[in-house]
Amino acid sequence: MSVEEIYDITIVGGGPVGLFAAFYAGLRGVSVKLIESLAELGGQPAILYPEKMIYDIPAYPAISGKDLVEQLIQQLERFASSTQICLKEEVKSFEKTDDGFLIQTDKGQHRTRAIILACGNGAFAPRPLGLPGEEVYADSNLHYHVKSLEDFVDKNVVICGGGDSAVDWANSLQGLAKSVTLVHRRNAFRAHEHSVAVLEQSSVTKLTPYVPVALLGDGQKLKGLRVQRVKSDEVLDLDLDALIVSFGFSSSNKNLKAWGLEAERSSVKVSALLETSQAGIYAVGDAATYVGKADLIATGFGEAPMAVNQAINYIYPERDNRLVHSTSLIKEKE
C-alpha cells in the first residue's frame, strides 16, 4: 500500500456517524479517507439490526437500520471522487508527523492531516459457536446476522441464541420461513418481555436448554446442527437450510491505550469542540464521551459537522472557514 498521498481528514469507523462525517467533510470540500474494520459499511444498524425500526432519526417517523445505512451511503456517493473507503482494516496506532499523522493499520499505513474517531466502542466481531468447520460454513449458509428476511423465505431455519436479536429474528421469520427452530442454552430467554410473549404464542420450535455440539455438512454447505440437552446425554440432529448464530457481537477498544488519548472506559474524552487530548484528533458518536452525553445516533449526527469544522480550522487556519449553508455549497460544486 502506498502512503504517498495525504488526505485532509481520515475517519476511523464506517457506522452511521462516520458516514455522515465523511459526507459533511466532502460538503466542506476536503479530501476524506474512511477506515472500517468490518467488511461492510453501516456499523451496528447494518450488522446487528438491519430490519429493526429506528424511531429517533430526525425527519423519519420510522426507518430500518438497513434503510438508514443505504441512505447514508447514497448521500456519501455525491463525493465519491474525493473519498476513499478502506474496509476490513483495523487501526492499530498513529503517530504525529511534520505534516499531520501516520496511521498504522493491520494492512498498512495512511497519511492524514487530521483524524476523526467514529469507531463507537471499538472494532466488533460476531461471537462464534466455537465448533470445528465453522469458518468453512460461514461463507455458505451459516449467518451471524440477518441482512434481509427475504433470504430465508421457505427455508428451514435454526437460530442459536436467547437474547433480543435471536428472539426478534425468530419472531420475524415466523410465517416467512418454512420452519423456525430456536436453540437456547437456558430455560428462560433474555429478550424483552414483549418479544418473549410473542415468541411463546408463535409457531417457532423452542429447544431449551440445549447447546450446539457439532455442525453437520459436506464441507461446502451446512446440512444440520447437532444439539445436546444441558446436563444430559440426550442429542438431537436438526435438519436445516440456514443457521443463524445470534450470540451477539464483542466489541474491543484494545488499541485505545496504544493511541495515547485520554479515555474513560471504552470512549475517548473530548472537549466541547469534540477535541481529544491530542491536537488534530477528534472523536464523535459512541467513541466520544463528555458530561451530559446522550448516546443516540442523532447526537452523533450533530457532533459530526462540529468535529469536521474544527478539523478544517486546525488543518487550514489561514483560510476563511466561515460556515456556509449546504444549499449554497452544493450549488457551488454543481
C-alpha atoms as a PDB file:
ATOM      1  CA  MET A   1       0.000   0.000   0.000  1.00  0.00           C
ATOM      2  CA  SER A   2       1.384   3.381  -0.978  1.00  0.00           C
ATOM      3  CA  VAL A   3       1.423   6.060   1.701  1.00  0.00           C
ATOM      4  CA  GLU A   4       2.471   8.883  -0.594  1.00  0.00           C
ATOM      5  CA  GLU A   5      -0.931  10.592  -0.794  1.00  0.00           C
ATOM      6  CA  ILE A   6      -2.025  12.526   2.241  1.00  0.00           C
ATOM      7  CA  TYR A   7      -5.724  13.066   2.960  1.00  0.00           C
ATOM      8  CA  ASP A   8      -7.134  16.042   4.802  1.00  0.00           C
ATOM      9  CA  ILE A   9      -9.297  14.044   7.209  1.00  0.00           C
ATOM     10  CA  THR A  10      -9.256  10.344   7.990  1.00  0.00           C
ATOM     11  CA  ILE A  11     -12.356   8.995   9.716  1.00  0.00           C
ATOM     12  CA  VAL A  12     -11.955   5.817  11.744  1.00  0.00           C
ATOM     13  CA  GLY A  13     -15.255   3.941  11.708  1.00  0.00           C
ATOM     14  CA  GLY A  14     -17.859   3.450   8.981  1.00  0.00           C
ATOM     15  CA  GLY A  15     -21.049   3.403  11.044  1.00  0.00           C
ATOM     16  CA  PRO A  16     -23.848   5.976  10.607  1.00  0.00           C
ATOM     17  CA  VAL A  17     -21.942   8.767  12.345  1.00  0.00           C
ATOM     18  CA  GLY A  18     -18.722   8.051  10.443  1.00  0.00           C
ATOM     19  CA  LEU A  19     -20.617   8.017   7.148  1.00  0.00           C
ATOM     20  CA  PHE A  20     -22.288  11.342   7.877  1.00  0.00           C
ATOM     21  CA  ALA A  21     -18.967  12.852   8.991  1.00  0.00           C
ATOM     22  CA  ALA A  22     -17.431  11.745   5.684  1.00  0.00           C
ATOM     23  CA  PHE A  23     -20.314  13.295   3.751  1.00  0.00           C
ATOM     24  CA  TYR A  24     -20.095  16.590   5.620  1.00  0.00           C
ATOM     25  CA  ALA A  25     -16.323  16.723   5.110  1.00  0.00           C
ATOM     26  CA  GLY A  26     -16.943  16.261   1.394  1.00  0.00           C
ATOM     27  CA  LEU A  27     -19.513  19.025   1.562  1.00  0.00           C
ATOM     28  CA  ARG A  28     -16.840  21.293   3.052  1.00  0.00           C
ATOM     29  CA  GLY A  29     -14.542  20.477   0.137  1.00  0.00           C
ATOM     30  CA  VAL A  30     -11.799  18.454   1.826  1.00  0.00           C
ATOM     31  CA  SER A  31     -10.433  15.028   0.914  1.00  0.00           C
ATOM     32  CA  VAL A  32     -11.546  12.136   3.099  1.00  0.00           C
ATOM     33  CA  LYS A  33     -10.405   8.616   3.861  1.00  0.00           C
ATOM     34  CA  LEU A  34     -12.699   6.323   5.824  1.00  0.00           C
ATOM     35  CA  ILE A  35     -11.262   3.218   7.515  1.00  0.00           C
ATOM     36  CA  GLU A  36     -13.661   0.490   8.698  1.00  0.00           C
ATOM     37  CA  SER A  37     -12.672  -2.765  10.420  1.00  0.00           C
ATOM     38  CA  LEU A  38     -15.670  -4.720   9.098  1.00  0.00           C
ATOM     39  CA  ALA A  39     -16.264  -5.974   5.567  1.00  0.00           C
ATOM     40  CA  GLU A  40     -19.141  -3.553   5.001  1.00  0.00           C
ATOM     41  CA  LEU A  41     -20.212  -0.066   5.960  1.00  0.00           C
ATOM     42  CA  GLY A  42     -23.013   0.744   8.372  1.00  0.00           C
ATOM     43  CA  GLY A  43     -21.817  -0.365  11.788  1.00  0.00           C
ATOM     44  CA  GLN A  44     -24.293  -1.809  14.255  1.00  0.00           C
ATOM     45  CA  PRO A  45     -27.513  -0.812  12.423  1.00  0.00           C
ATOM     46  CA  ALA A  46     -26.336  -2.680   9.315  1.00  0.00           C
ATOM     47  CA  ILE A  47     -24.910  -5.694  11.134  1.00  0.00           C
ATOM     48  CA  LEU A  48     -26.996  -6.160  14.270  1.00  0.00           C
ATOM     49  CA  TYR A  49     -30.467  -4.867  13.415  1.00  0.00           C
ATOM     50  CA  PRO A  50     -30.885  -4.092   9.696  1.00  0.00           C
ATOM     51  CA  GLU A  51     -34.600  -4.963   9.722  1.00  0.00           C
ATOM     52  CA  LYS A  52     -35.426  -3.270  13.026  1.00  0.00           C
ATOM     53  CA  MET A  53     -37.113   0.120  13.004  1.00  0.00           C
ATOM     54  CA  ILE A  54     -35.372   3.178  14.453  1.00  0.00           C
ATOM     55  CA  TYR A  55     -37.620   5.965  15.705  1.00  0.00           C
ATOM     56  CA  ASP A  56     -35.269   8.745  16.827  1.00  0.00           C
ATOM     57  CA  ILE A  57     -33.796   9.865  13.492  1.00  0.00           C
ATOM     58  CA  PRO A  58     -34.917  13.432  12.646  1.00  0.00           C
ATOM     59  CA  ALA A  59     -37.427  13.685   9.764  1.00  0.00           C
ATOM     60  CA  TYR A  60     -38.007   9.921   9.729  1.00  0.00           C
ATOM     61  CA  PRO A  61     -41.063   8.783  11.720  1.00  0.00           C
ATOM     62  CA  ALA A  62     -39.534   5.316  11.406  1.00  0.00           C
ATOM     63  CA  ILE A  63     -36.672   3.869   9.375  1.00  0.00           C
ATOM     64  CA  SER A  64     -34.999   0.471   9.419  1.00  0.00           C
ATOM     65  CA  GLY A  65     -31.306   0.128  10.187  1.00  0.00           C
ATOM     66  CA  LYS A  66     -30.743  -1.160   6.650  1.00  0.00           C
ATOM     67  CA  ASP A  67     -32.543   1.752   5.004  1.00  0.00           C
ATOM     68  CA  LEU A  68     -30.784   4.302   7.190  1.00  0.00           C
ATOM     69  CA  VAL A  69     -27.385   2.953   6.174  1.00  0.00           C
ATOM     70  CA  GLU A  70     -28.366   2.776   2.496  1.00  0.00           C
ATOM     71  CA  GLN A  71     -29.465   6.421   2.585  1.00  0.00           C
ATOM     72  CA  LEU A  72     -26.201   7.485   4.242  1.00  0.00           C
ATOM     73  CA  ILE A  73     -24.114   5.582   1.684  1.00  0.00           C
ATOM     74  CA  GLN A  74     -26.143   7.096  -1.144  1.00  0.00           C
ATOM     75  CA  GLN A  75     -25.625  10.534   0.379  1.00  0.00           C
ATOM     76  CA  LEU A  76     -21.863   9.978   0.506  1.00  0.00           C
ATOM     77  CA  GLU A  77     -21.730   8.900  -3.154  1.00  0.00           C
ATOM     78  CA  ARG A  78     -22.001  12.578  -4.108  1.00  0.00           C
ATOM     79  CA  PHE A  79     -18.358  12.919  -3.042  1.00  0.00           C
ATOM     80  CA  ALA A  80     -17.072   9.559  -4.274  1.00  0.00           C
ATOM     81  CA  SER A  81     -14.196  11.179  -6.153  1.00  0.00           C
ATOM     82  CA  SER A  82     -12.766  12.799  -3.019  1.00  0.00           C
ATOM     83  CA  THR A  83     -13.489   9.948  -0.602  1.00  0.00           C
ATOM     84  CA  GLN A  84     -11.537   6.726  -0.282  1.00  0.00           C
ATOM     85  CA  ILE A  85     -13.079   3.858   1.685  1.00  0.00           C
ATOM     86  CA  CYS A  86     -10.910   1.124   3.213  1.00  0.00           C
ATOM     87  CA  LEU A  87     -12.802  -1.935   4.513  1.00  0.00           C
ATOM     88  CA  LYS A  88     -11.608  -4.858   6.670  1.00  0.00           C
ATOM     89  CA  GLU A  89      -8.801  -2.725   8.032  1.00  0.00           C
ATOM     90  CA  GLU A  90      -8.244  -2.132  11.734  1.00  0.00           C
ATOM     91  CA  VAL A  91      -6.382   0.907  13.051  1.00  0.00           C
ATOM     92  CA  LYS A  92      -3.630  -0.156  15.411  1.00  0.00           C
ATOM     93  CA  SER A  93      -1.873   3.130  16.182  1.00  0.00           C
ATOM     94  CA  PHE A  94      -0.980   6.545  14.846  1.00  0.00           C
ATOM     95  CA  GLU A  95       1.886   8.950  15.335  1.00  0.00           C
ATOM     96  CA  LYS A  96       2.367  12.668  14.846  1.00  0.00           C
ATOM     97  CA  THR A  97       4.399  13.743  11.828  1.00  0.00           C
ATOM     98  CA  ASP A  98       5.525  17.095  10.441  1.00  0.00           C
ATOM     99  CA  ASP A  99       2.508  17.328   8.131  1.00  0.00           C
ATOM    100  CA  GLY A 100      -0.125  15.509  10.193  1.00  0.00           C
ATOM    101  CA  PHE A 101      -0.348  11.871  11.270  1.00  0.00           C
ATOM    102  CA  LEU A 102       0.823   8.478  10.109  1.00  0.00           C
ATOM    103  CA  ILE A 103      -1.826   5.847  10.809  1.00  0.00           C
ATOM    104  CA  GLN A 104      -0.764   2.220  11.174  1.00  0.00           C
ATOM    105  CA  THR A 105      -3.370  -0.465  10.428  1.00  0.00           C
ATOM    106  CA  ASP A 106      -3.207  -4.233  10.217  1.00  0.00           C
ATOM    107  CA  LYS A 107      -2.787  -3.825   6.460  1.00  0.00           C
ATOM    108  CA  GLY A 108      -0.508  -0.851   6.032  1.00  0.00           C
ATOM    109  CA  GLN A 109      -0.090   2.855   6.616  1.00  0.00           C
ATOM    110  CA  HIS A 110      -2.071   6.005   5.821  1.00  0.00           C
ATOM    111  CA  ARG A 111      -1.114   9.663   5.926  1.00  0.00           C
ATOM    112  CA  THR A 112      -3.584  12.282   7.036  1.00  0.00           C
ATOM    113  CA  ARG A 113      -3.675  15.855   8.293  1.00  0.00           C
ATOM    114  CA  ALA A 114      -6.384  15.235  10.908  1.00  0.00           C
ATOM    115  CA  ILE A 115      -8.270  12.288  12.403  1.00  0.00           C
ATOM    116  CA  ILE A 116     -11.886  11.885  13.473  1.00  0.00           C
ATOM    117  CA  LEU A 117     -12.639   8.824  15.583  1.00  0.00           C
ATOM    118  CA  ALA A 118     -16.134   7.491  14.881  1.00  0.00           C
ATOM    119  CA  CYS A 119     -15.413   3.902  15.856  1.00  0.00           C
ATOM    120  CA  GLY A 120     -18.091   3.522  18.504  1.00  0.00           C
ATOM    121  CA  ASN A 121     -16.939   1.325  21.361  1.00  0.00           C
ATOM    122  CA  GLY A 122     -14.276  -0.222  19.190  1.00  0.00           C
ATOM    123  CA  ALA A 123     -13.923  -2.838  16.489  1.00  0.00           C
ATOM    124  CA  PHE A 124     -16.564  -5.525  16.906  1.00  0.00           C
ATOM    125  CA  ALA A 125     -16.923  -9.067  15.660  1.00  0.00           C
ATOM    126  CA  PRO A 126     -19.560 -11.789  15.988  1.00  0.00           C
ATOM    127  CA  ARG A 127     -19.274 -14.296  18.821  1.00  0.00           C
ATOM    128  CA  PRO A 128     -18.881 -17.672  17.099  1.00  0.00           C
ATOM    129  CA  LEU A 129     -20.177 -21.119  18.026  1.00  0.00           C
ATOM    130  CA  GLY A 130     -16.638 -22.329  18.534  1.00  0.00           C
ATOM    131  CA  LEU A 131     -17.249 -25.586  16.636  1.00  0.00           C
ATOM    132  CA  PRO A 132     -14.966 -27.290  14.077  1.00  0.00           C
ATOM    133  CA  GLY A 133     -15.703 -26.284  10.489  1.00  0.00           C
ATOM    134  CA  GLU A 134     -17.466 -23.079  11.452  1.00  0.00           C
ATOM    135  CA  GLU A 135     -15.262 -20.832   9.340  1.00  0.00           C
ATOM    136  CA  VAL A 136     -15.962 -23.013   6.271  1.00  0.00           C
ATOM    137  CA  TYR A 137     -19.743 -22.770   6.528  1.00  0.00           C
ATOM    138  CA  ALA A 138     -19.617 -19.063   7.412  1.00  0.00           C
ATOM    139  CA  ASP A 139     -19.025 -18.494   3.708  1.00  0.00           C
ATOM    140  CA  SER A 140     -22.112 -20.554   2.845  1.00  0.00           C
ATOM    141  CA  ASN A 141     -25.355 -20.856   4.846  1.00  0.00           C
ATOM    142  CA  LEU A 142     -24.141 -20.067   8.364  1.00  0.00           C
ATOM    143  CA  HIS A 143     -25.003 -16.472   9.240  1.00  0.00           C
ATOM    144  CA  TYR A 144     -24.105 -14.211  12.155  1.00  0.00           C
ATOM    145  CA  HIS A 145     -26.628 -11.531  11.260  1.00  0.00           C
ATOM    146  CA  VAL A 146     -29.644 -11.156   9.002  1.00  0.00           C
ATOM    147  CA  LYS A 147     -29.242  -8.752   6.106  1.00  0.00           C
ATOM    148  CA  SER A 148     -32.638  -9.471   4.588  1.00  0.00           C
ATOM    149  CA  LEU A 149     -35.537 -11.580   5.788  1.00  0.00           C
ATOM    150  CA  GLU A 150     -36.196 -12.496   2.156  1.00  0.00           C
ATOM    151  CA  ASP A 151     -33.047 -14.637   2.160  1.00  0.00           C
ATOM    152  CA  PHE A 152     -34.825 -17.142   4.415  1.00  0.00           C
ATOM    153  CA  VAL A 153     -38.198 -17.461   2.700  1.00  0.00           C
ATOM    154  CA  ASP A 154     -39.419 -21.107   2.556  1.00  0.00           C
ATOM    155  CA  LYS A 155     -36.284 -22.372   4.300  1.00  0.00           C
ATOM    156  CA  ASN A 156     -35.820 -24.479   7.419  1.00  0.00           C
ATOM    157  CA  VAL A 157     -34.033 -22.075   9.735  1.00  0.00           C
ATOM    158  CA  VAL A 158     -32.300 -22.845  13.015  1.00  0.00           C
ATOM    159  CA  ILE A 159     -31.335 -19.948  15.280  1.00  0.00           C
ATOM    160  CA  CYS A 160     -28.906 -20.236  18.194  1.00  0.00           C
ATOM    161  CA  GLY A 161     -29.252 -17.674  20.959  1.00  0.00           C
ATOM    162  CA  GLY A 162     -31.620 -16.365  23.589  1.00  0.00           C
ATOM    163  CA  GLY A 163     -31.208 -12.605  23.586  1.00  0.00           C
ATOM    164  CA  ASP A 164     -33.131  -9.806  21.883  1.00  0.00           C
ATOM    165  CA  SER A 165     -31.693 -10.368  18.410  1.00  0.00           C
ATOM    166  CA  ALA A 166     -32.252 -14.136  18.421  1.00  0.00           C
ATOM    167  CA  VAL A 167     -35.844 -13.842  19.626  1.00  0.00           C
ATOM    168  CA  ASP A 168     -36.602 -10.944  17.268  1.00  0.00           C
ATOM    169  CA  TRP A 169     -35.292 -12.886  14.257  1.00  0.00           C
ATOM    170  CA  ALA A 170     -37.327 -15.920  15.269  1.00  0.00           C
ATOM    171  CA  ASN A 171     -40.476 -13.810  15.533  1.00  0.00           C
ATOM    172  CA  SER A 172     -39.787 -12.010  12.256  1.00  0.00           C
ATOM    173  CA  LEU A 173     -39.068 -15.199  10.298  1.00  0.00           C
ATOM    174  CA  GLN A 174     -42.193 -16.960  11.530  1.00  0.00           C
ATOM    175  CA  GLY A 175     -44.525 -17.165   8.553  1.00  0.00           C
ATOM    176  CA  LEU A 176     -41.756 -16.387   6.058  1.00  0.00           C
ATOM    177  CA  ALA A 177     -39.513 -19.381   6.673  1.00  0.00           C
ATOM    178  CA  LYS A 178     -40.752 -22.925   6.175  1.00  0.00           C
ATOM    179  CA  SER A 179     -39.843 -23.637   9.792  1.00  0.00           C
ATOM    180  CA  VAL A 180     -38.012 -21.834  12.588  1.00  0.00           C
ATOM    181  CA  THR A 181     -36.255 -23.551  15.498  1.00  0.00           C
ATOM    182  CA  LEU A 182     -34.741 -21.525  18.316  1.00  0.00           C
ATOM    183  CA  VAL A 183     -31.990 -23.181  20.383  1.00  0.00           C
ATOM    184  CA  HIS A 184     -31.013 -21.651  23.731  1.00  0.00           C
ATOM    185  CA  ARG A 185     -28.749 -22.952  26.466  1.00  0.00           C
ATOM    186  CA  ARG A 186     -31.028 -21.723  29.265  1.00  0.00           C
ATOM    187  CA  ASN A 187     -34.665 -22.392  30.079  1.00  0.00           C
ATOM    188  CA  ALA A 188     -35.544 -18.684  30.039  1.00  0.00           C
ATOM    189  CA  PHE A 189     -34.920 -16.250  27.194  1.00  0.00           C
ATOM    190  CA  ARG A 190     -33.108 -12.986  27.932  1.00  0.00           C
ATOM    191  CA  ALA A 191     -35.032 -10.896  25.401  1.00  0.00           C
ATOM    192  CA  HIS A 192     -37.523  -8.120  26.092  1.00  0.00           C
ATOM    193  CA  GLU A 193     -40.658  -9.378  27.853  1.00  0.00           C
ATOM    194  CA  HIS A 194     -42.951  -8.394  24.977  1.00  0.00           C
ATOM    195  CA  SER A 195     -40.766 -10.198  22.427  1.00  0.00           C
ATOM    196  CA  VAL A 196     -40.738 -13.330  24.580  1.00  0.00           C
ATOM    197  CA  ALA A 197     -44.527 -13.158  24.934  1.00  0.00           C
ATOM    198  CA  VAL A 198     -44.865 -13.005  21.138  1.00  0.00           C
ATOM    199  CA  LEU A 199     -42.458 -15.924  20.816  1.00  0.00           C
ATOM    200  CA  GLU A 200     -44.450 -18.059  23.246  1.00  0.00           C
ATOM    201  CA  GLN A 201     -47.580 -17.584  21.123  1.00  0.00           C
ATOM    202  CA  SER A 202     -45.771 -18.306  17.867  1.00  0.00           C
ATOM    203  CA  SER A 203     -45.209 -21.491  15.878  1.00  0.00           C
ATOM    204  CA  VAL A 204     -41.438 -21.309  16.482  1.00  0.00           C
ATOM    205  CA  THR A 205     -39.997 -24.540  17.877  1.00  0.00           C
ATOM    206  CA  LYS A 206     -38.175 -23.728  21.110  1.00  0.00           C
ATOM    207  CA  LEU A 207     -35.407 -26.056  22.283  1.00  0.00           C
ATOM    208  CA  THR A 208     -34.287 -25.229  25.823  1.00  0.00           C
ATOM    209  CA  PRO A 209     -31.933 -25.865  27.455  1.00  0.00           C
ATOM    210  CA  TYR A 210     -29.799 -27.156  24.587  1.00  0.00           C
ATOM    211  CA  VAL A 211     -26.335 -26.287  23.305  1.00  0.00           C
ATOM    212  CA  PRO A 212     -24.870 -26.824  19.811  1.00  0.00           C
ATOM    213  CA  VAL A 213     -22.174 -29.510  19.780  1.00  0.00           C
ATOM    214  CA  ALA A 214     -21.485 -30.243  16.098  1.00  0.00           C
ATOM    215  CA  LEU A 215     -22.014 -28.873  12.598  1.00  0.00           C
ATOM    216  CA  LEU A 216     -23.287 -31.428  10.093  1.00  0.00           C
ATOM    217  CA  GLY A 217     -22.389 -30.797   6.470  1.00  0.00           C
ATOM    218  CA  ASP A 218     -20.402 -31.841   3.424  1.00  0.00           C
ATOM    219  CA  GLY A 219     -17.594 -29.321   3.799  1.00  0.00           C
ATOM    220  CA  GLN A 220     -19.275 -26.872   1.462  1.00  0.00           C
ATOM    221  CA  LYS A 221     -22.815 -26.478   2.724  1.00  0.00           C
ATOM    222  CA  LEU A 222     -24.241 -26.934   6.193  1.00  0.00           C
ATOM    223  CA  LYS A 223     -26.955 -29.601   6.331  1.00  0.00           C
ATOM    224  CA  GLY A 224     -27.735 -29.817  10.026  1.00  0.00           C
ATOM    225  CA  LEU A 225     -26.852 -28.966  13.608  1.00  0.00           C
ATOM    226  CA  ARG A 226     -26.364 -31.430  16.446  1.00  0.00           C
ATOM    227  CA  VAL A 227     -27.537 -30.128  19.807  1.00  0.00           C
ATOM    228  CA  GLN A 228     -27.296 -31.651  23.258  1.00  0.00           C
ATOM    229  CA  ARG A 229     -29.557 -31.127  26.228  1.00  0.00           C
ATOM    230  CA  VAL A 230     -27.737 -29.391  29.096  1.00  0.00           C
ATOM    231  CA  LYS A 231     -26.552 -31.815  31.801  1.00  0.00           C
ATOM    232  CA  SER A 232     -27.823 -34.752  29.781  1.00  0.00           C
ATOM    233  CA  ASP A 233     -26.662 -37.244  27.169  1.00  0.00           C
ATOM    234  CA  GLU A 234     -29.718 -36.514  25.018  1.00  0.00           C
ATOM    235  CA  VAL A 235     -28.700 -35.449  21.497  1.00  0.00           C
ATOM    236  CA  LEU A 236     -30.817 -34.163  18.610  1.00  0.00           C
ATOM    237  CA  ASP A 237     -29.850 -33.682  14.958  1.00  0.00           C
ATOM    238  CA  LEU A 238     -31.684 -30.748  13.387  1.00  0.00           C
ATOM    239  CA  ASP A 239     -32.023 -30.572   9.603  1.00  0.00           C
ATOM    240  CA  LEU A 240     -31.630 -27.060   8.252  1.00  0.00           C
ATOM    241  CA  ASP A 241     -31.251 -24.899   5.182  1.00  0.00           C
ATOM    242  CA  ALA A 242     -29.792 -21.968   7.125  1.00  0.00           C
ATOM    243  CA  LEU A 243     -28.236 -21.499  10.540  1.00  0.00           C
ATOM    244  CA  ILE A 244     -28.240 -18.118  12.291  1.00  0.00           C
ATOM    245  CA  VAL A 245     -25.801 -17.754  15.183  1.00  0.00           C
ATOM    246  CA  SER A 246     -27.066 -14.899  17.334  1.00  0.00           C
ATOM    247  CA  PHE A 247     -24.694 -14.869  20.287  1.00  0.00           C
ATOM    248  CA  GLY A 248     -24.125 -11.158  19.910  1.00  0.00           C
ATOM    249  CA  PHE A 249     -21.025  -9.232  18.964  1.00  0.00           C
ATOM    250  CA  SER A 250     -17.972  -8.483  21.050  1.00  0.00           C
ATOM    251  CA  SER A 251     -16.506  -5.007  20.804  1.00  0.00           C
ATOM    252  CA  SER A 252     -12.997  -4.108  21.734  1.00  0.00           C
ATOM    253  CA  ASN A 253     -11.104  -0.863  22.081  1.00  0.00           C
ATOM    254  CA  LYS A 254      -7.946  -2.816  22.849  1.00  0.00           C
ATOM    255  CA  ASN A 255      -5.958  -0.392  20.706  1.00  0.00           C
ATOM    256  CA  LEU A 256      -7.167   2.632  22.678  1.00  0.00           C
ATOM    257  CA  LYS A 257      -4.211   2.576  25.085  1.00  0.00           C
ATOM    258  CA  ALA A 258      -1.796   2.494  22.165  1.00  0.00           C
ATOM    259  CA  TRP A 259      -3.436   5.625  20.790  1.00  0.00           C
ATOM    260  CA  GLY A 260      -2.255   7.633  23.803  1.00  0.00           C
ATOM    261  CA  LEU A 261      -5.517   9.577  24.195  1.00  0.00           C
ATOM    262  CA  GLU A 262      -7.217  10.464  27.442  1.00  0.00           C
ATOM    263  CA  ALA A 263     -10.027   7.953  27.820  1.00  0.00           C
ATOM    264  CA  GLU A 264     -12.853   6.944  30.097  1.00  0.00           C
ATOM    265  CA  ARG A 265     -13.770   3.257  29.946  1.00  0.00           C
ATOM    266  CA  SER A 266     -14.159   2.427  26.246  1.00  0.00           C
ATOM    267  CA  SER A 267     -14.597   6.001  24.981  1.00  0.00           C
ATOM    268  CA  VAL A 268     -12.325   8.981  24.382  1.00  0.00           C
ATOM    269  CA  LYS A 269     -12.716  12.132  26.460  1.00  0.00           C
ATOM    270  CA  VAL A 270     -13.403  15.206  24.356  1.00  0.00           C
ATOM    271  CA  SER A 271     -13.898  18.928  24.880  1.00  0.00           C
ATOM    272  CA  ALA A 272     -16.989  20.907  23.942  1.00  0.00           C
ATOM    273  CA  LEU A 273     -15.439  21.186  20.471  1.00  0.00           C
ATOM    274  CA  LEU A 274     -15.006  17.373  20.191  1.00  0.00           C
ATOM    275  CA  GLU A 275     -11.223  17.727  20.627  1.00  0.00           C
ATOM    276  CA  THR A 276      -9.316  14.841  22.189  1.00  0.00           C
ATOM    277  CA  SER A 277      -6.199  15.274  24.328  1.00  0.00           C
ATOM    278  CA  GLN A 278      -4.144  15.194  21.085  1.00  0.00           C
ATOM    279  CA  ALA A 279      -4.374  18.252  18.836  1.00  0.00           C
ATOM    280  CA  GLY A 280      -5.699  17.346  15.405  1.00  0.00           C
ATOM    281  CA  ILE A 281      -7.622  14.297  16.622  1.00  0.00           C
ATOM    282  CA  TYR A 282     -11.371  14.476  17.299  1.00  0.00           C
ATOM    283  CA  ALA A 283     -13.985  11.952  18.418  1.00  0.00           C
ATOM    284  CA  VAL A 284     -17.730  11.696  17.746  1.00  0.00           C
ATOM    285  CA  GLY A 285     -20.628   9.350  18.397  1.00  0.00           C
ATOM    286  CA  ASP A 286     -20.144   6.493  20.852  1.00  0.00           C
ATOM    287  CA  ALA A 287     -16.376   6.921  20.546  1.00  0.00           C
ATOM    288  CA  ALA A 288     -16.628  10.262  22.399  1.00  0.00           C
ATOM    289  CA  THR A 289     -17.603  10.967  25.977  1.00  0.00           C
ATOM    290  CA  TYR A 290     -18.268  14.182  27.879  1.00  0.00           C
ATOM    291  CA  VAL A 291     -20.509  15.379  30.687  1.00  0.00           C
ATOM    292  CA  GLY A 292     -24.171  15.224  29.681  1.00  0.00           C
ATOM    293  CA  LYS A 293     -23.565  12.972  26.660  1.00  0.00           C
ATOM    294  CA  ALA A 294     -26.718  11.365  25.210  1.00  0.00           C
ATOM    295  CA  ASP A 295     -25.804   8.110  23.477  1.00  0.00           C
ATOM    296  CA  LEU A 296     -28.049   8.449  20.437  1.00  0.00           C
ATOM    297  CA  ILE A 297     -27.365   8.250  16.707  1.00  0.00           C
ATOM    298  CA  ALA A 298     -28.942  11.707  16.438  1.00  0.00           C
ATOM    299  CA  THR A 299     -26.370  13.068  18.893  1.00  0.00           C
ATOM    300  CA  GLY A 300     -23.551  11.691  16.771  1.00  0.00           C
ATOM    301  CA  PHE A 301     -25.074  13.228  13.652  1.00  0.00           C
ATOM    302  CA  GLY A 302     -24.902  16.625  15.390  1.00  0.00           C
ATOM    303  CA  GLU A 303     -21.325  16.078  16.575  1.00  0.00           C
ATOM    304  CA  ALA A 304     -20.011  15.082  13.127  1.00  0.00           C
ATOM    305  CA  PRO A 305     -20.191  18.554  11.494  1.00  0.00           C
ATOM    306  CA  MET A 306     -18.700  20.141  14.605  1.00  0.00           C
ATOM    307  CA  ALA A 307     -15.707  17.802  14.504  1.00  0.00           C
ATOM    308  CA  VAL A 308     -15.245  18.272  10.754  1.00  0.00           C
ATOM    309  CA  ASN A 309     -15.349  22.055  11.094  1.00  0.00           C
ATOM    310  CA  GLN A 310     -12.825  22.009  13.924  1.00  0.00           C
ATOM    311  CA  ALA A 311     -10.560  19.704  11.919  1.00  0.00           C
ATOM    312  CA  ILE A 312     -10.679  22.080   8.946  1.00  0.00           C
ATOM    313  CA  ASN A 313      -9.846  25.028  11.209  1.00  0.00           C
ATOM    314  CA  TYR A 314      -6.908  23.017  12.547  1.00  0.00           C
ATOM    315  CA  ILE A 315      -5.631  21.985   9.106  1.00  0.00           C
ATOM    316  CA  TYR A 316      -6.143  25.305   7.306  1.00  0.00           C
ATOM    317  CA  PRO A 317      -6.111  28.099   9.923  1.00  0.00           C
ATOM    318  CA  GLU A 318      -5.212  30.671   7.275  1.00  0.00           C
ATOM    319  CA  ARG A 319      -8.373  30.077   5.240  1.00  0.00           C
ATOM    320  CA  ASP A 320     -11.703  31.813   5.554  1.00  0.00           C
ATOM    321  CA  ASN A 321     -13.534  28.940   7.227  1.00  0.00           C
ATOM    322  CA  ARG A 322     -16.837  30.654   7.840  1.00  0.00           C
ATOM    323  CA  LEU A 323     -19.752  28.247   7.569  1.00  0.00           C
ATOM    324  CA  VAL A 324     -21.996  28.356   4.528  1.00  0.00           C
ATOM    325  CA  HIS A 325     -25.391  26.662   4.282  1.00  0.00           C
ATOM    326  CA  SER A 326     -25.415  23.350   2.430  1.00  0.00           C
ATOM    327  CA  THR A 327     -27.690  24.725  -0.313  1.00  0.00           C
ATOM    328  CA  SER A 328     -25.011  27.217  -1.310  1.00  0.00           C
ATOM    329  CA  LEU A 329     -22.191  24.679  -1.042  1.00  0.00           C
ATOM    330  CA  ILE A 330     -23.941  22.181  -3.321  1.00  0.00           C
ATOM    331  CA  LYS A 331     -24.711  24.909  -5.872  1.00  0.00           C
ATOM    332  CA  GLU A 332     -21.038  25.914  -5.912  1.00  0.00           C
ATOM    333  CA  LYS A 333     -19.952  22.329  -6.609  1.00  0.00           C
ATOM    334  CA  GLU A 334     -22.559  21.765  -9.308  1.00  0.00           C
END
